[in-house]
Amino acid sequence: MAINKHKNILDYTLQSLLRRKFKNTGIILVFTFIIFAVSSIILLSYSLKKEAGMLLKYSPEIIVQKILAGRHELISTKIKNEIMGIPGVSKVEPRYWGYYYDSGVRANYTIIGIGVSGIENNRLIKGRMPSANEKNAAAIGREIADARIIKKDIGDSLNLQNSEGRWMEFKIVGIFESDSEILTADLIIISESAFKSLVGMPEDTATDLAVRVANETEIPTAARKIKELFPYSRPILRDEVIRTYDAVFGWRSGLILAMFAGALAAFIILAWDKATGLSAEEKQEIGILKAIGWETSDILEMKFWEGLVISLTSFMCGLILAYLHIFLLDGFLFAPALKGWSVIYPHFNLAPFIDFYQIAILMAITVLPYIASTIIPSWKASITDPDTVMRG
């Protein structure tokens, strides 16, 4: 009997919602838009943080840079042996990398010079990597190949101007596939000697040093000893880089959320307006229900289902649209603001990482207040004499 009663109340609630379909549809649309915008930012920023963490998982434990007047300078490779002498350090490798501005497409490229150890060929590249003794070979990112005036392919030439103003011609021997674009969209890989000729780097210098530490617990100690040996250096721990990415994506997502403060304020006003009073039609409906024998608890249950249906429908629609927007449509509305300033944006599909804690918080601050704003004024009307309520 009790089950039939609750079923009848739910059935009446749905019929009541359909009678006011235009008003309820408007509320659902506004509610869905807000959930969609906020959820999109949450999903995108969290997925970018997770992607960054996964990509940096196997990066060097310590990166050693030389600092002069607060700026990053070239570092001497002659200090490798001294760093290798620090207990816990298993490997020290110089890294050669920098940026190149291409005025033709008005974009910055990232250029990496590989030495004898090289970079292994893998499924992410069509063709092959340049070898250490090839001075005129290059592997380039897919976006670079597509961005040039004449689309580049394996066997074509890529011309870059060196620090002395002379043009250097590189034969394209490999193009990175789209699966790796988060790493390689704007990347050019050449040999170490070609890199030094291109940027005018002196011998026995490198952009920075990559230090491997076998035992993770010894990383802070190794970094401190490097700083003691070379006061001009700046040891950067991998964990610090990951925290920096977290902070950057968090700051940018917060900035975008601030742009939607107006929409959020509109939703709060909508909920407040609903909480401060019922329409004459709704009051009359409650009075009639009381007059025909409905209990106060029945009316509150009806209003609970009404608020739950509207808010939960809006929340799920907004969340599903946000999921499709971020993970199927590459988050085209918000991705440029979170990716950064680069002209050549990598086109990649983010892995669907979802922070259920943040989603639960979003539900708590949207769905629950809306349900409460539906129940409270209805409770006030239901405890009033039916004749008084119907007379307004």
Foldseek 3Di string as FASTA:
>chain_A
DVVVLLVVLLVVLVVVCVVVVVVLVVLLVLLLVVLQLLLLLQQQLVLLLVVVCVVLVPFFQKWKFFADPNDTDWAFLVCQVVLCPDPQWDDKDFWAWDWAQDPQLRFIAIETAAAQVGDDDDPQKDFGQEHQPDLAAKEAECLVQVRHPHRDDQQDWDWDAAPVRDIGIHGYRIYGHLQCLVPGNRYMYHHPVNSCRRHVPDPRIGSIMRIHGPDSVCSVVSQVVVCVVPVRMDMDGSVNVSVVSSVLSVVLSVVSVVVCVVSVVVLVVVLVVLLVADDLVVLLVLLVCVVVPDALVSQLSSLLSNLQVSNVSSNVSSNVSSQCCCQVVVVVVCVVSNVDDGPRDRDHGGDRDDDVVVSVVVCCVGSVSSSVSRRNNSSVSNVDNSVVSNVD
